N, C-alpha and C. Protein backbone atom coordinates (compact mmCIF):
# COMPACT_ATOMS: atom_id res chain seq x y z
N MET A 1 0.61 -0.71 0.19
CA MET A 1 0.49 -0.42 -0.02
C MET A 1 0.72 1.38 -0.27
N ASP A 2 2.36 0.84 0.65
CA ASP A 2 2.55 2.18 0.72
C ASP A 2 3.20 2.49 -1.02
N PHE A 3 3.10 1.96 -1.83
CA PHE A 3 3.53 2.08 -3.23
C PHE A 3 2.29 3.19 -3.66
N TRP A 4 1.40 2.83 -3.85
CA TRP A 4 0.13 3.47 -4.26
C TRP A 4 -0.65 4.39 -3.47
N GLU A 5 0.24 5.03 -1.97
CA GLU A 5 0.17 5.89 -1.26
C GLU A 5 0.76 7.44 -2.05
N THR A 6 2.56 6.58 -1.89
CA THR A 6 3.09 7.80 -2.71
C THR A 6 2.67 7.70 -3.90
N PHE A 7 2.41 6.65 -4.69
CA PHE A 7 2.57 7.84 -6.29
C PHE A 7 1.13 8.31 -6.28
N LEU A 8 -0.10 8.48 -5.59
CA LEU A 8 -1.08 9.20 -5.77
C LEU A 8 -0.67 10.17 -4.83
N LYS A 9 0.52 10.68 -3.89
CA LYS A 9 0.61 12.01 -3.84
C LYS A 9 1.17 12.67 -4.71
N ILE A 10 2.11 12.16 -5.28
CA ILE A 10 2.76 12.68 -6.84
C ILE A 10 2.09 13.33 -7.23
N VAL A 11 1.13 12.28 -8.04
CA VAL A 11 -0.23 12.72 -9.25
C VAL A 11 -1.04 14.05 -8.28
N LEU A 12 -1.15 13.96 -7.05
CA LEU A 12 -1.80 15.06 -6.66
C LEU A 12 -1.24 16.17 -6.59
N VAL A 13 0.51 16.31 -6.58
CA VAL A 13 1.46 17.59 -6.65
C VAL A 13 0.78 18.14 -7.66
N VAL A 14 1.12 16.86 -8.90
CA VAL A 14 1.06 17.32 -10.38
C VAL A 14 -0.03 18.06 -10.67
N VAL A 15 -1.15 17.53 -10.11
CA VAL A 15 -2.21 17.90 -10.34
C VAL A 15 -2.61 19.55 -9.80
N SER A 16 -2.27 19.28 -8.80
CA SER A 16 -2.22 20.88 -7.99
C SER A 16 -2.39 21.79 -8.92
N LEU A 17 -0.41 21.54 -9.56
CA LEU A 17 0.57 22.83 -9.77
C LEU A 17 -0.62 22.59 -11.02
N ALA A 18 -0.85 21.82 -11.63
CA ALA A 18 -1.58 22.17 -13.26
C ALA A 18 -2.24 22.70 -12.89
N LEU A 19 -3.96 22.11 -12.13
CA LEU A 19 -4.43 23.37 -11.30
C LEU A 19 -4.29 25.11 -11.41
N ILE A 20 -3.51 25.50 -10.77
CA ILE A 20 -3.08 26.35 -10.94
C ILE A 20 -2.76 26.61 -11.57
N VAL A 21 -1.70 26.93 -12.46
CA VAL A 21 -1.17 27.05 -14.02
C VAL A 21 -2.39 27.57 -14.55
N VAL A 22 -3.36 26.45 -15.09
CA VAL A 22 -4.76 27.26 -15.75
C VAL A 22 -4.95 28.02 -15.21
N VAL A 23 -5.53 27.88 -13.78
CA VAL A 23 -6.44 29.10 -13.84
C VAL A 23 -5.74 30.56 -13.63
N LEU A 24 -4.05 30.47 -13.60
CA LEU A 24 -3.73 32.19 -13.67
C LEU A 24 -3.86 32.11 -15.44
N LEU A 25 -3.90 31.15 -15.64
CA LEU A 25 -3.83 31.36 -17.72
C LEU A 25 -5.03 31.98 -17.90
N GLN A 26 -6.29 32.56 -17.35
CA GLN A 26 -7.54 32.65 -17.52
C GLN A 26 -7.73 34.14 -17.54
N LYS A 27 -8.50 34.98 -17.84
CA LYS A 27 -8.70 36.12 -17.76
C LYS A 27 -9.23 36.77 -16.64
N GLY A 28 -9.79 37.09 -16.29
CA GLY A 28 -10.67 37.87 -15.38
C GLY A 28 -11.90 38.59 -15.34
N LYS A 29 -12.99 38.35 -14.91
CA LYS A 29 -14.50 38.27 -15.21
C LYS A 29 -14.79 40.23 -15.18
N SER A 30 -14.23 40.38 -14.66
CA SER A 30 -14.52 41.80 -14.04
C SER A 30 -13.22 42.37 -14.08
N ALA A 31 -13.61 44.01 -14.35
CA ALA A 31 -12.67 44.47 -14.07
C ALA A 31 -13.13 46.01 -12.48
N GLY A 32 -13.38 44.98 -12.05
CA GLY A 32 -13.65 44.89 -10.86
C GLY A 32 -14.66 46.12 -9.74
N LEU A 33 -14.76 47.41 -8.98
CA LEU A 33 -15.78 48.03 -9.40
C LEU A 33 -15.33 49.15 -9.82
N ALA A 34 -13.83 49.22 -10.50
CA ALA A 34 -14.35 50.75 -11.58
C ALA A 34 -15.22 50.44 -13.22
N GLY A 35 -14.84 48.82 -13.50
CA GLY A 35 -15.82 48.34 -14.71
C GLY A 35 -17.17 48.54 -14.00
N ALA A 36 -17.42 47.95 -13.04
CA ALA A 36 -18.84 47.78 -12.87
C ALA A 36 -19.49 49.47 -12.99
N ILE A 37 -19.28 50.28 -12.90
CA ILE A 37 -19.28 51.81 -12.89
C ILE A 37 -19.60 52.35 -13.86
N THR A 38 -18.09 51.74 -15.12
CA THR A 38 -18.23 52.41 -15.84
C THR A 38 -19.03 51.62 -16.95
N GLY A 39 -19.63 50.31 -16.71
CA GLY A 39 -20.39 49.68 -17.73
C GLY A 39 -20.16 48.59 -18.10
N GLY A 40 -19.28 47.49 -16.92
CA GLY A 40 -18.32 45.75 -17.34
C GLY A 40 -19.32 44.90 -16.36
N ALA A 41 -20.46 45.83 -15.99
CA ALA A 41 -21.39 44.62 -15.55
C ALA A 41 -21.78 44.16 -16.60
N GLU A 42 -22.28 44.89 -17.67
CA GLU A 42 -23.32 43.93 -18.46
C GLU A 42 -22.07 43.62 -19.06
N HIS A 43 -21.01 43.30 -19.45
CA HIS A 43 -20.18 42.21 -19.80
C HIS A 43 -20.18 41.33 -18.80
N LEU A 44 -20.15 41.02 -17.52
CA LEU A 44 -20.07 40.45 -16.60
C LEU A 44 -21.60 39.26 -16.58
N PHE A 45 -22.77 40.38 -16.71
CA PHE A 45 -24.07 39.79 -16.17
C PHE A 45 -24.94 39.06 -17.95
N GLY A 46 -24.72 39.77 -18.81
CA GLY A 46 -25.00 39.00 -19.96
C GLY A 46 -24.43 38.17 -20.50
N LYS A 47 -25.11 37.99 -22.02
CA LYS A 47 -25.52 36.01 -22.34
C LYS A 47 -23.87 36.20 -23.18
N GLN A 48 -22.98 36.60 -22.90
CA GLN A 48 -22.14 36.64 -23.46
C GLN A 48 -21.44 34.85 -23.37
N LYS A 49 -21.42 34.30 -24.29
CA LYS A 49 -20.35 32.60 -23.89
C LYS A 49 -19.15 33.10 -24.14
N SER A 50 -18.49 32.09 -23.63
CA SER A 50 -17.15 31.90 -24.03
C SER A 50 -17.01 31.52 -25.74
N ARG A 51 -16.13 32.17 -26.03
CA ARG A 51 -15.52 31.05 -27.28
C ARG A 51 -14.07 30.75 -27.03
N GLY A 52 -13.56 30.12 -27.76
CA GLY A 52 -12.15 29.39 -27.72
C GLY A 52 -11.54 28.61 -26.59
N ILE A 53 -10.49 29.91 -26.50
CA ILE A 53 -9.45 29.05 -25.95
C ILE A 53 -9.81 29.44 -24.14
N ASP A 54 -10.77 30.37 -24.26
CA ASP A 54 -11.51 30.89 -22.81
C ASP A 54 -11.99 29.18 -22.86
N LEU A 55 -13.55 28.93 -23.13
CA LEU A 55 -13.70 27.84 -23.43
C LEU A 55 -13.29 26.77 -23.06
N ILE A 56 -11.76 26.04 -23.55
CA ILE A 56 -11.15 25.21 -23.19
C ILE A 56 -10.58 25.05 -21.72
N LEU A 57 -9.99 26.32 -21.38
CA LEU A 57 -9.17 26.78 -20.03
C LEU A 57 -10.28 26.72 -19.02
N GLU A 58 -11.85 27.19 -19.40
CA GLU A 58 -12.51 26.61 -18.72
C GLU A 58 -12.81 25.11 -17.82
N ARG A 59 -12.85 24.53 -19.34
CA ARG A 59 -13.56 23.46 -18.99
C ARG A 59 -12.02 21.66 -18.44
N ILE A 60 -10.58 22.46 -18.74
CA ILE A 60 -9.86 21.76 -18.11
C ILE A 60 -9.75 22.43 -16.41
N THR A 61 -10.40 23.42 -16.04
CA THR A 61 -9.84 23.66 -14.92
C THR A 61 -11.05 22.92 -14.00
N LEU A 62 -12.73 22.65 -14.38
CA LEU A 62 -13.60 21.82 -14.14
C LEU A 62 -13.22 20.39 -13.71
N GLY A 63 -12.79 20.35 -14.94
CA GLY A 63 -12.25 18.67 -14.16
C GLY A 63 -10.79 18.71 -13.47
N LEU A 64 -9.69 19.69 -13.80
CA LEU A 64 -8.85 19.53 -12.84
C LEU A 64 -9.35 19.09 -11.20
N SER A 65 -10.46 20.34 -11.63
CA SER A 65 -10.60 20.50 -9.66
C SER A 65 -11.63 18.84 -9.06
N ILE A 66 -12.07 18.48 -10.38
CA ILE A 66 -13.01 17.18 -9.75
C ILE A 66 -12.22 16.34 -9.37
N VAL A 67 -10.89 16.32 -10.31
CA VAL A 67 -9.60 15.07 -10.00
C VAL A 67 -9.09 15.35 -8.56
N PHE A 68 -8.65 17.01 -8.76
CA PHE A 68 -7.52 17.47 -7.17
C PHE A 68 -8.84 17.00 -6.50
N PHE A 69 -10.33 17.27 -6.69
CA PHE A 69 -10.93 17.05 -4.97
C PHE A 69 -10.95 15.40 -4.13
N VAL A 70 -11.19 14.90 -5.79
CA VAL A 70 -11.31 13.15 -6.11
C VAL A 70 -9.47 12.58 -4.97
N LEU A 71 -8.96 13.22 -5.75
CA LEU A 71 -7.56 12.31 -4.62
C LEU A 71 -7.24 12.88 -3.88
N THR A 72 -7.77 14.00 -3.38
CA THR A 72 -7.71 15.17 -2.08
C THR A 72 -8.37 13.54 -0.95
N VAL A 73 -9.32 12.96 -1.49
CA VAL A 73 -10.40 12.32 -0.56
C VAL A 73 -9.70 10.72 -0.39
N VAL A 74 -9.31 10.77 -1.06
CA VAL A 74 -8.80 9.57 -0.85
C VAL A 74 -7.75 9.21 -0.74
N VAL A 75 -5.82 10.68 -0.81
CA VAL A 75 -5.17 9.99 0.08
C VAL A 75 -5.69 10.49 1.83
N GLY A 76 -6.20 10.95 1.47
CA GLY A 76 -6.99 11.14 3.08
C GLY A 76 -7.30 10.61 3.59
N TYR A 77 -7.73 9.64 2.94
CA TYR A 77 -8.12 8.48 2.98
C TYR A 77 -7.38 6.71 3.72
N LEU A 78 -6.08 6.93 2.91
CA LEU A 78 -5.62 6.02 3.35
C LEU A 78 -4.25 6.74 3.99
N ILE A 79 -4.13 7.79 4.34
CA ILE A 79 -3.34 8.19 5.04
C ILE A 79 -4.26 7.66 6.62
N GLY A 80 -5.74 7.92 6.46
CA GLY A 80 -6.25 7.77 7.99
C GLY A 80 -6.02 6.43 8.38
N ALA A 81 -6.53 5.40 7.00
CA ALA A 81 -6.38 4.30 7.69
C ALA A 81 -5.17 2.95 8.06
């Protein structure tokens, strides 16, 4: 069981680093308070859909976050057992 525990910890570190990189590559959704005052709120609440690289990064983030959550639960269970 020691091999699997070490392997899953390494995979967890790789997934967490990949998740950090993907989140940092994404564009911000609003320009803060200044953007809301000058009309940026329309873009934030509008019906514009993400296209291209933004959509791909969003889906990769979702997938990596699910994998991260599952791996965290599994590694926590293995350490506690």
